Amino acid sequence: MSRYGPAAQIVWITTVCCGGMIGCGWSGTSTPRGDGAADVLDSAGVTAAQGGDPPPTREDPTDQAGPAWPNWFGPLHDGVSHESDWSPDWPSSGLPVRWTRDVGIGFSAVAIAHERLYTMGHVDGKEVVHCLNIHDGSPHWEQTYSGELLDNLHDGGPGATPTIDADYVYTLGKQGQFHAWNAATGEMVWRRMLPEDLGVDVPEWGFASSPYVLGDLLILEGGRVVAYDKRTGAIRWKTEPHAAGYGSASPFLFQGRTLLATLDCDGLRVTDAEDGREVAFVPWESRFQTNATTPIVVGDQIFLSTAYDVGCGLFRLTSAGLELVYKNRAMRNHFNNSILFEGDLYGFDGNSNLGRVVKLTCMDFATGEVRWQERGFGCGSLIVANGKLLILSEDGTLVVAQATPDGYQEIARSPFLEGRCWTVPVVLSRRVYGRNAAGKLVCVELPRS
């Protein structure tokens, strides 16, 4: 028997292009636990059983200052909020707006902790890191540095989402400007440049991997998988070079070892988190080198999805490598991850350049069978909140629907934003935060349950 044992993990991968640099990095945690189900790692390296309650972490800001959404796709990196104090009975006039603010061009989502919101944008040849008051949007601090817009076939601007960890916030810019900031004051703690550190060129649509905190490491994917020391910025290890992807790393625990699943533009890669050694690899290429989503890991399986008619695939990690379970073209994620909830995947099938025919799709994770599809949202995004789908359409409409495989069941909708909306929204403390590509950030309030 290999050291990876009989039960490996499932990783699901989706692909993204252009605006796909929308801060990716999710590991599924919401399917029912079955035989051989693996454990999910929190930011401190603590494990939680699949389908169990989210555990506290050693440095989780929720322990100190109330609710938090400290990184891309939330505390467990799964796009699921368990808050239940809000009602889907929305007023016919629309949800009330608490505040709006211009944060600059880009697709960086928001991270929230200690009643502070962090995001990024591009303004006049500079990238801006914002720290805002969650109650009124007023600035606590801003930091700027030089950076190109890189607006190739889309609006451009930063795509990675800030990551909050204890007293620090980590940000990755479009050209690989990797910073650690004091979360309270905005003072720069350290700075690195990925092209120099990794010996790679800036990818066609820029770097977009949202930093993943794993114990004392920061994990990124950008032409290599790399681990930095989160306190000093020193490189701990880096893999051999490959064609950069635009998603994030998905750590998982397997047979006592911590592994990393990443999707780059060469394929699905499984790496040992201790030393960067490659454990398994399978080719998974997309047209125009646009793989931009993050693997979803459950049990011994890995799921991925890519646009431009490539589709999705489910693989099983074994002692011999990655074994294909199924592959189909029913879920072709362009740049926003699907979300796994109670055994089903919810995501957008289709390309942004053909938004009118993109379909919100519900698919059985285990079999790849399509449960239902619904048009009308364009190439939008979604999270799961209180057991419901919270959908942001490409044109800025906010929709709540039942998260069920028994057909699309809309509950309510409200005006929210305008312009191009590709960035996933965040719900926290009965408020929804979202942005458009032009940089309008809005906060609306949900009714109490």
Protein backbone atom coordinates (compact mmCIF):
# COMPACT_ATOMS: atom_id res chain seq x y z
CA MET A 1 0.00 0.00 0.00
CA SER A 2 1.28 3.47 -0.80
CA ARG A 3 1.58 6.08 1.88
CA TYR A 4 -1.57 7.70 0.46
CA GLY A 5 -3.66 4.75 1.56
CA PRO A 6 -6.90 3.38 0.17
CA ALA A 7 -9.00 6.54 0.59
CA ALA A 8 -7.73 9.51 -1.36
CA GLN A 9 -9.69 12.68 -1.98
CA ILE A 10 -12.05 14.02 -4.60
CA VAL A 11 -11.13 17.26 -6.25
CA TRP A 12 -13.45 19.17 -8.54
CA ILE A 13 -11.95 21.76 -10.83
CA THR A 14 -13.53 24.56 -12.83
CA THR A 15 -11.98 26.92 -15.33
CA VAL A 16 -12.13 30.62 -15.85
CA CYS A 17 -11.00 33.19 -18.39
CA CYS A 18 -10.39 36.92 -18.53
CA GLY A 19 -12.43 38.05 -15.55
CA GLY A 20 -11.94 34.61 -14.13
CA MET A 21 -9.30 36.25 -12.07
CA ILE A 22 -12.05 36.65 -9.55
CA GLY A 23 -10.26 35.39 -6.52
CA CYS A 24 -10.72 31.66 -6.63
CA GLY A 25 -10.01 28.99 -4.07
CA TRP A 26 -12.62 26.63 -2.79
CA SER A 27 -12.69 23.28 -1.17
CA GLY A 28 -16.10 21.68 -0.88
CA THR A 29 -17.24 20.87 2.64
CA SER A 30 -20.98 20.47 2.45
CA THR A 31 -21.62 17.02 1.06
CA PRO A 32 -22.78 14.34 3.48
CA ARG A 33 -19.94 12.36 4.99
CA GLY A 34 -19.50 8.92 3.52
CA ASP A 35 -17.06 6.06 3.89
CA GLY A 36 -13.51 7.23 3.42
CA ALA A 37 -14.42 10.91 3.50
CA ALA A 38 -11.37 13.05 4.01
CA ASP A 39 -10.91 15.89 6.44
CA VAL A 40 -10.93 19.57 5.56
CA LEU A 41 -8.17 21.85 6.81
CA ASP A 42 -8.93 25.19 8.39
CA SER A 43 -6.50 28.09 8.20
CA ALA A 44 -4.56 26.85 11.21
CA GLY A 45 -4.19 23.31 9.89
CA VAL A 46 -6.93 21.95 12.18
CA THR A 47 -9.18 19.36 10.59
CA ALA A 48 -12.95 19.17 10.49
CA ALA A 49 -15.02 16.23 9.30
CA GLN A 50 -16.82 16.71 5.99
CA GLY A 51 -20.32 17.98 6.60
CA GLY A 52 -19.61 18.90 10.24
CA ASP A 53 -19.86 22.27 11.94
CA PRO A 54 -17.08 24.71 11.04
CA PRO A 55 -14.43 24.54 13.76
CA PRO A 56 -12.82 27.62 15.30
CA THR A 57 -9.21 28.18 14.29
CA ARG A 58 -6.32 29.44 16.37
CA GLU A 59 -6.35 32.80 14.65
CA ASP A 60 -9.90 33.01 13.33
CA PRO A 61 -11.09 36.64 13.67
CA THR A 62 -14.59 35.35 14.44
CA ASP A 63 -13.22 34.37 17.87
CA GLN A 64 -12.40 37.99 18.65
CA ALA A 65 -14.76 40.34 16.90
CA GLY A 66 -17.99 38.65 15.85
CA PRO A 67 -18.87 37.27 12.43
CA ALA A 68 -16.22 37.25 9.73
CA TRP A 69 -15.75 36.35 6.06
CA PRO A 70 -11.95 36.52 6.18
CA ASN A 71 -11.02 35.34 2.69
CA TRP A 72 -12.30 34.40 -0.72
CA PHE A 73 -15.37 32.13 -0.43
CA GLY A 74 -15.58 32.46 3.35
CA PRO A 75 -14.14 30.86 6.49
CA LEU A 76 -14.18 27.32 5.08
CA HIS A 77 -13.42 28.37 1.49
CA ASP A 78 -16.66 26.74 0.36
CA GLY A 79 -18.92 29.67 -0.51
CA VAL A 80 -21.46 28.71 2.16
CA SER A 81 -22.84 31.03 4.85
CA HIS A 82 -24.75 29.50 7.74
CA GLU A 83 -26.28 32.75 9.00
CA SER A 84 -30.00 32.28 9.53
CA ASP A 85 -31.22 35.60 10.93
CA TRP A 86 -32.35 37.04 7.59
CA SER A 87 -35.56 36.60 5.65
CA PRO A 88 -36.03 35.97 1.89
CA ASP A 89 -39.24 38.02 2.08
CA TRP A 90 -37.76 41.03 0.32
CA PRO A 91 -39.62 44.32 -0.16
CA SER A 92 -41.08 44.88 -3.62
CA SER A 93 -39.26 48.22 -3.79
CA GLY A 94 -35.90 46.45 -3.44
CA LEU A 95 -33.44 45.95 -0.62
CA PRO A 96 -32.42 49.16 1.20
CA VAL A 97 -28.92 50.43 0.38
CA ARG A 98 -26.75 51.11 3.44
CA TRP A 99 -23.83 52.65 1.55
CA THR A 100 -21.85 52.67 -1.69
CA ARG A 101 -18.23 53.45 -2.45
CA ASP A 102 -15.93 53.55 -5.50
CA VAL A 103 -13.02 51.14 -5.01
CA GLY A 104 -11.54 51.17 -8.54
CA ILE A 105 -11.65 48.83 -11.51
CA GLY A 106 -11.31 45.13 -10.79
CA PHE A 107 -12.87 41.87 -9.68
CA SER A 108 -11.48 41.46 -6.18
CA ALA A 109 -14.20 40.28 -3.79
CA VAL A 110 -14.43 41.48 -0.19
CA ALA A 111 -12.97 40.00 2.98
CA ILE A 112 -14.37 41.08 6.36
CA ALA A 113 -13.17 40.79 9.96
CA HIS A 114 -13.10 43.01 13.06
CA GLU A 115 -15.87 45.11 11.46
CA ARG A 116 -13.49 46.06 8.66
CA LEU A 117 -13.85 45.27 4.97
CA TYR A 118 -10.88 44.77 2.64
CA THR A 119 -10.89 44.79 -1.15
CA MET A 120 -8.78 45.98 -4.10
CA GLY A 121 -9.14 48.06 -7.26
CA HIS A 122 -7.22 49.92 -9.97
CA VAL A 123 -7.20 53.73 -10.27
CA ASP A 124 -5.07 55.72 -12.74
CA GLY A 125 -2.10 53.38 -13.07
CA LYS A 126 -2.11 52.28 -9.44
CA GLU A 127 -3.61 49.40 -7.52
CA VAL A 128 -5.38 50.37 -4.31
CA VAL A 129 -5.87 48.21 -1.22
CA HIS A 130 -8.89 49.45 0.72
CA CYS A 131 -9.75 48.97 4.39
CA LEU A 132 -13.30 50.26 4.98
CA ASN A 133 -15.71 50.54 7.88
CA ILE A 134 -18.44 47.94 7.32
CA HIS A 135 -21.15 50.21 8.75
CA ASP A 136 -20.81 53.20 6.44
CA GLY A 137 -18.03 52.43 3.93
CA SER A 138 -15.74 55.15 5.26
CA PRO A 139 -12.02 54.44 4.90
CA HIS A 140 -9.85 53.25 7.76
CA TRP A 141 -6.81 53.23 5.45
CA GLU A 142 -5.72 52.87 1.83
CA GLN A 143 -2.44 51.75 0.33
CA THR A 144 -1.41 52.23 -3.31
CA TYR A 145 1.39 50.98 -5.52
CA SER A 146 2.12 51.12 -9.25
CA GLY A 147 0.39 48.53 -11.38
CA GLU A 148 -0.86 48.01 -14.92
CA LEU A 149 -4.57 47.62 -15.64
CA LEU A 150 -4.04 44.54 -17.89
CA ASP A 151 -7.46 44.94 -19.49
CA ASN A 152 -7.08 42.23 -22.12
CA LEU A 153 -10.63 41.40 -23.33
CA HIS A 154 -12.11 42.53 -20.02
CA ASP A 155 -12.08 45.52 -17.69
CA GLY A 156 -8.82 44.59 -15.98
CA GLY A 157 -7.77 45.39 -12.43
CA PRO A 158 -7.01 43.11 -9.46
CA GLY A 159 -8.75 39.75 -9.37
CA ALA A 160 -7.46 38.14 -6.20
CA THR A 161 -9.31 38.66 -2.92
CA PRO A 162 -7.53 39.83 0.27
CA THR A 163 -6.93 37.22 2.96
CA ILE A 164 -7.19 38.21 6.63
CA ASP A 165 -5.26 36.22 9.22
CA ALA A 166 -5.00 37.49 12.83
CA ASP A 167 -3.34 40.94 12.70
CA TYR A 168 -2.42 40.74 9.02
CA VAL A 169 -4.06 41.04 5.63
CA TYR A 170 -2.41 39.58 2.53
CA THR A 171 -3.03 40.84 -1.02
CA LEU A 172 -1.87 39.79 -4.48
CA GLY A 173 -1.78 42.33 -7.32
CA LYS A 174 -2.25 41.76 -11.02
CA GLN A 175 1.49 41.78 -11.77
CA GLY A 176 2.42 39.64 -8.81
CA GLN A 177 2.80 42.37 -6.18
CA PHE A 178 2.43 40.25 -3.04
CA HIS A 179 2.02 42.21 0.20
CA ALA A 180 1.51 41.63 3.89
CA TRP A 181 -0.13 44.60 5.64
CA ASN A 182 -0.92 45.37 9.24
CA ALA A 183 -4.68 44.85 9.16
CA ALA A 184 -5.41 47.66 11.61
CA THR A 185 -3.04 50.38 10.40
CA GLY A 186 -2.22 49.52 6.78
CA GLU A 187 1.51 49.55 7.48
CA MET A 188 3.39 47.32 5.02
CA VAL A 189 4.99 44.33 6.78
CA TRP A 190 6.71 42.80 3.75
CA ARG A 191 6.53 42.75 -0.06
CA ARG A 192 7.44 40.17 -2.70
CA MET A 193 7.18 40.04 -6.51
CA LEU A 194 6.02 36.73 -7.98
CA PRO A 195 7.72 37.07 -11.40
CA GLU A 196 11.09 37.51 -9.69
CA ASP A 197 10.49 34.91 -6.97
CA LEU A 198 9.17 32.25 -9.34
CA GLY A 199 11.12 33.06 -12.50
CA VAL A 200 7.90 33.31 -14.53
CA ASP A 201 6.28 35.90 -16.77
CA VAL A 202 3.12 37.72 -15.78
CA PRO A 203 0.23 35.54 -17.07
CA GLU A 204 -1.88 36.88 -19.92
CA TRP A 205 -4.64 38.05 -17.55
CA GLY A 206 -2.38 38.70 -14.58
CA PHE A 207 -1.94 36.85 -11.31
CA ALA A 208 -5.22 36.06 -9.56
CA SER A 209 -4.64 33.40 -6.89
CA SER A 210 -6.17 34.42 -3.57
CA PRO A 211 -3.69 33.63 -0.77
CA TYR A 212 -4.53 30.53 1.28
CA VAL A 213 -3.30 30.47 4.90
CA LEU A 214 -2.17 26.99 5.89
CA GLY A 215 -0.63 27.02 9.34
CA ASP A 216 2.36 29.35 9.07
CA LEU A 217 2.37 29.17 5.26
CA LEU A 218 0.77 31.24 2.51
CA ILE A 219 -0.01 29.14 -0.57
CA LEU A 220 -0.31 30.64 -4.07
CA GLU A 221 -0.53 29.28 -7.62
CA GLY A 222 0.94 31.38 -10.41
CA GLY A 223 3.23 29.52 -12.79
CA ARG A 224 4.45 27.45 -9.84
CA VAL A 225 2.75 26.42 -6.63
CA VAL A 226 4.65 28.30 -3.94
CA ALA A 227 4.64 28.44 -0.14
CA TYR A 228 5.72 31.62 1.65
CA ASP A 229 6.30 32.12 5.36
CA LYS A 230 3.33 34.26 6.37
CA ARG A 231 5.31 36.28 8.94
CA THR A 232 8.49 37.02 6.98
CA GLY A 233 7.59 36.51 3.33
CA ALA A 234 10.47 34.04 2.91
CA ILE A 235 9.93 31.29 0.33
CA ARG A 236 9.63 27.88 1.99
CA TRP A 237 9.36 25.88 -1.24
CA LYS A 238 8.19 26.14 -4.85
CA THR A 239 7.32 23.55 -7.47
CA GLU A 240 8.73 23.22 -10.96
CA PRO A 241 7.29 25.82 -13.40
CA HIS A 242 4.09 25.22 -15.37
CA ALA A 243 1.53 27.25 -17.33
CA ALA A 244 -0.10 29.51 -14.73
CA GLY A 245 -3.77 29.15 -13.90
CA TYR A 246 -6.03 31.75 -12.32
CA GLY A 247 -7.52 29.89 -9.36
CA SER A 248 -6.34 29.17 -5.85
CA ALA A 249 -5.05 26.20 -3.89
CA SER A 250 -7.35 23.73 -2.16
CA PRO A 251 -5.58 21.97 0.76
CA PHE A 252 -6.84 18.67 2.09
CA LEU A 253 -5.71 16.05 4.59
CA PHE A 254 -5.08 12.58 3.26
CA GLN A 255 -3.72 9.66 5.22
CA GLY A 256 -2.04 11.96 7.71
CA ARG A 257 -0.47 14.14 5.02
CA THR A 258 -1.52 17.61 3.94
CA LEU A 259 -1.84 17.84 0.17
CA LEU A 260 -2.73 20.70 -2.18
CA ALA A 261 -4.99 20.45 -5.23
CA THR A 262 -4.51 23.17 -7.85
CA LEU A 263 -5.70 23.67 -11.41
CA ASP A 264 -3.24 25.40 -13.70
CA CYS A 265 -3.36 25.72 -17.47
CA ASP A 266 -1.50 22.43 -17.90
CA GLY A 267 -3.78 20.39 -15.69
CA LEU A 268 -4.84 19.20 -12.24
CA ARG A 269 -1.90 19.00 -9.87
CA VAL A 270 -1.67 17.44 -6.40
CA THR A 271 1.29 18.65 -4.34
CA ASP A 272 2.67 17.75 -0.92
CA ALA A 273 2.23 20.83 1.28
CA GLU A 274 5.30 19.99 3.35
CA ASP A 275 7.90 20.28 0.62
CA GLY A 276 6.18 21.02 -2.71
CA ARG A 277 6.80 17.56 -4.11
CA GLU A 278 4.37 16.53 -6.86
CA VAL A 279 2.12 13.67 -5.81
CA ALA A 280 -0.11 13.32 -8.88
CA PHE A 281 -0.93 15.13 -12.11
CA VAL A 282 -3.42 14.75 -14.94
CA PRO A 283 -3.56 16.98 -18.05
CA TRP A 284 -6.57 19.29 -18.26
CA GLU A 285 -6.17 21.99 -20.89
CA SER A 286 -8.62 24.62 -22.08
CA ARG A 287 -8.72 26.82 -25.15
CA PHE A 288 -6.82 30.09 -24.73
CA GLN A 289 -5.22 28.78 -21.50
CA THR A 290 -8.08 29.97 -19.34
CA ASN A 291 -8.23 27.52 -16.41
CA ALA A 292 -9.20 29.83 -13.57
CA THR A 293 -11.20 27.98 -10.92
CA THR A 294 -10.27 26.10 -7.77
CA PRO A 295 -10.56 22.36 -7.11
CA ILE A 296 -13.33 21.12 -4.83
CA VAL A 297 -12.12 18.29 -2.64
CA VAL A 298 -14.38 15.70 -1.01
CA GLY A 299 -13.43 12.25 0.18
CA ASP A 300 -10.98 10.76 -2.30
CA GLN A 301 -12.28 12.73 -5.28
CA ILE A 302 -11.48 16.00 -7.04
CA PHE A 303 -13.82 17.97 -9.32
CA LEU A 304 -12.87 20.53 -11.96
CA SER A 305 -14.68 22.55 -14.57
CA THR A 306 -13.55 24.65 -17.52
CA ALA A 307 -15.22 26.79 -20.16
CA TYR A 308 -14.92 26.86 -23.97
CA ASP A 309 -16.73 23.55 -24.31
CA VAL A 310 -14.22 21.58 -22.25
CA GLY A 311 -16.61 20.87 -19.37
CA CYS A 312 -16.08 19.25 -16.02
CA GLY A 313 -14.48 16.16 -14.60
CA LEU A 314 -14.41 14.22 -11.36
CA PHE A 315 -11.20 12.38 -10.45
CA ARG A 316 -10.28 9.99 -7.68
CA LEU A 317 -6.85 10.11 -6.09
CA THR A 318 -5.37 6.62 -5.71
CA SER A 319 -1.94 5.16 -5.02
CA ALA A 320 -1.48 5.00 -8.80
CA GLY A 321 -2.44 8.62 -9.46
CA LEU A 322 -5.61 10.44 -10.55
CA GLU A 323 -8.34 8.19 -11.93
CA LEU A 324 -11.24 9.63 -13.96
CA VAL A 325 -14.70 9.01 -12.47
CA TYR A 326 -16.68 10.97 -15.07
CA LYS A 327 -16.33 13.81 -17.55
CA ASN A 328 -19.07 15.79 -19.30
CA ARG A 329 -19.90 19.19 -20.82
CA ALA A 330 -22.90 19.96 -18.65
CA MET A 331 -20.98 22.25 -16.25
CA ARG A 332 -18.52 24.52 -18.05
CA ASN A 333 -17.56 27.15 -15.47
CA HIS A 334 -15.89 30.11 -17.10
CA PHE A 335 -14.59 32.10 -14.14
CA ASN A 336 -16.76 31.55 -11.09
CA ASN A 337 -16.60 28.34 -9.09
CA SER A 338 -19.52 26.05 -8.63
CA ILE A 339 -20.62 25.55 -5.03
CA LEU A 340 -21.15 22.14 -3.49
CA PHE A 341 -24.13 21.95 -1.15
CA GLU A 342 -25.76 18.81 0.24
CA GLY A 343 -24.42 16.63 -2.54
CA ASP A 344 -25.24 18.91 -5.47
CA LEU A 345 -23.18 21.44 -7.41
CA TYR A 346 -24.65 24.83 -8.32
CA GLY A 347 -22.80 26.84 -10.96
CA PHE A 348 -22.92 28.64 -14.30
CA ASP A 349 -22.49 26.60 -17.47
CA GLY A 350 -21.16 28.64 -20.39
CA ASN A 351 -18.86 31.44 -21.56
CA SER A 352 -19.13 35.14 -20.77
CA ASN A 353 -19.04 36.03 -24.49
CA LEU A 354 -22.29 34.09 -24.92
CA GLY A 355 -23.98 35.27 -21.75
CA ARG A 356 -27.52 34.98 -23.11
CA VAL A 357 -27.23 31.22 -23.34
CA VAL A 358 -25.30 30.63 -20.09
CA LYS A 359 -27.35 28.45 -17.75
CA LEU A 360 -27.43 28.29 -13.98
CA THR A 361 -27.06 24.56 -13.46
CA CYS A 362 -27.67 22.11 -10.64
CA MET A 363 -25.65 18.90 -11.00
CA ASP A 364 -25.29 15.79 -8.87
CA PHE A 365 -21.70 15.81 -7.61
CA ALA A 366 -21.28 12.04 -7.45
CA THR A 367 -22.69 11.17 -10.87
CA GLY A 368 -22.51 14.32 -13.02
CA GLU A 369 -26.25 14.06 -13.71
CA VAL A 370 -27.92 17.42 -14.39
CA ARG A 371 -30.86 18.11 -12.07
CA TRP A 372 -32.04 21.38 -13.64
CA GLN A 373 -30.92 24.42 -15.61
CA GLU A 374 -32.17 28.03 -15.74
CA ARG A 375 -31.24 30.85 -18.11
CA GLY A 376 -31.45 34.59 -17.61
CA PHE A 377 -28.52 35.39 -15.30
CA GLY A 378 -25.72 35.70 -17.83
CA CYS A 379 -22.28 34.71 -16.56
CA GLY A 380 -23.11 35.45 -12.95
CA SER A 381 -21.94 34.28 -9.55
CA LEU A 382 -23.49 32.86 -6.40
CA ILE A 383 -23.02 31.73 -2.83
CA VAL A 384 -25.19 29.54 -0.61
CA ALA A 385 -26.65 31.34 2.41
CA ASN A 386 -28.97 29.81 5.01
CA GLY A 387 -29.66 26.90 2.69
CA LYS A 388 -30.60 29.16 -0.23
CA LEU A 389 -28.91 30.32 -3.41
CA LEU A 390 -27.92 33.97 -3.35
CA ILE A 391 -27.33 34.78 -7.02
CA LEU A 392 -25.79 37.89 -8.54
CA SER A 393 -26.63 38.09 -12.23
CA GLU A 394 -24.13 39.48 -14.70
CA ASP A 395 -26.24 42.64 -15.06
CA GLY A 396 -26.38 43.27 -11.30
CA THR A 397 -29.71 41.80 -10.15
CA LEU A 398 -29.62 40.04 -6.77
CA VAL A 399 -31.80 36.92 -6.57
CA VAL A 400 -32.60 34.45 -3.80
CA ALA A 401 -33.78 30.95 -4.74
CA GLN A 402 -34.11 27.58 -3.07
CA ALA A 403 -30.96 25.45 -3.02
CA THR A 404 -32.67 22.25 -4.06
CA PRO A 405 -32.21 19.68 -6.82
CA ASP A 406 -36.01 19.69 -7.34
CA GLY A 407 -36.03 22.41 -9.99
CA TYR A 408 -35.28 26.13 -10.01
CA GLN A 409 -37.47 27.84 -7.40
CA GLU A 410 -37.03 31.60 -7.19
CA ILE A 411 -38.13 33.35 -4.00
CA ALA A 412 -37.31 37.03 -4.54
CA ARG A 413 -35.13 39.48 -6.46
CA SER A 414 -33.91 43.03 -6.01
CA PRO A 415 -31.96 45.70 -7.91
CA PHE A 416 -28.40 45.69 -6.59
CA LEU A 417 -25.77 46.86 -9.09
CA GLU A 418 -25.37 47.79 -12.74
CA GLY A 419 -22.68 47.27 -15.36
CA ARG A 420 -20.58 44.11 -15.56
CA CYS A 421 -20.92 41.99 -12.40
CA TRP A 422 -18.68 38.94 -12.31
CA THR A 423 -17.49 39.09 -8.69
CA VAL A 424 -19.09 36.82 -6.11
CA PRO A 425 -21.18 38.62 -3.44
CA VAL A 426 -20.74 38.20 0.31
CA VAL A 427 -23.47 38.00 2.96
CA LEU A 428 -22.58 38.76 6.57
CA SER A 429 -24.63 40.02 9.52
CA ARG A 430 -27.77 40.50 7.38
CA ARG A 431 -25.91 42.59 4.82
CA VAL A 432 -24.92 41.76 1.27
CA TYR A 433 -21.74 43.27 -0.17
CA GLY A 434 -21.05 43.23 -3.89
CA ARG A 435 -19.18 45.11 -6.59
CA ASN A 436 -19.13 45.62 -10.32
CA ALA A 437 -16.13 45.67 -12.64
CA ALA A 438 -16.07 49.49 -12.77
CA GLY A 439 -15.48 49.58 -9.02
CA LYS A 440 -18.86 50.39 -7.47
CA LEU A 441 -19.09 48.60 -4.12
CA VAL A 442 -22.53 48.46 -2.53
CA CYS A 443 -23.87 47.25 0.81
CA VAL A 444 -27.58 46.40 1.14
CA GLU A 445 -29.50 45.22 4.19
CA LEU A 446 -31.58 42.05 4.35
CA PRO A 447 -34.82 41.90 6.37
CA ARG A 448 -34.77 40.06 9.69
CA SER A 449 -36.21 36.57 9.84
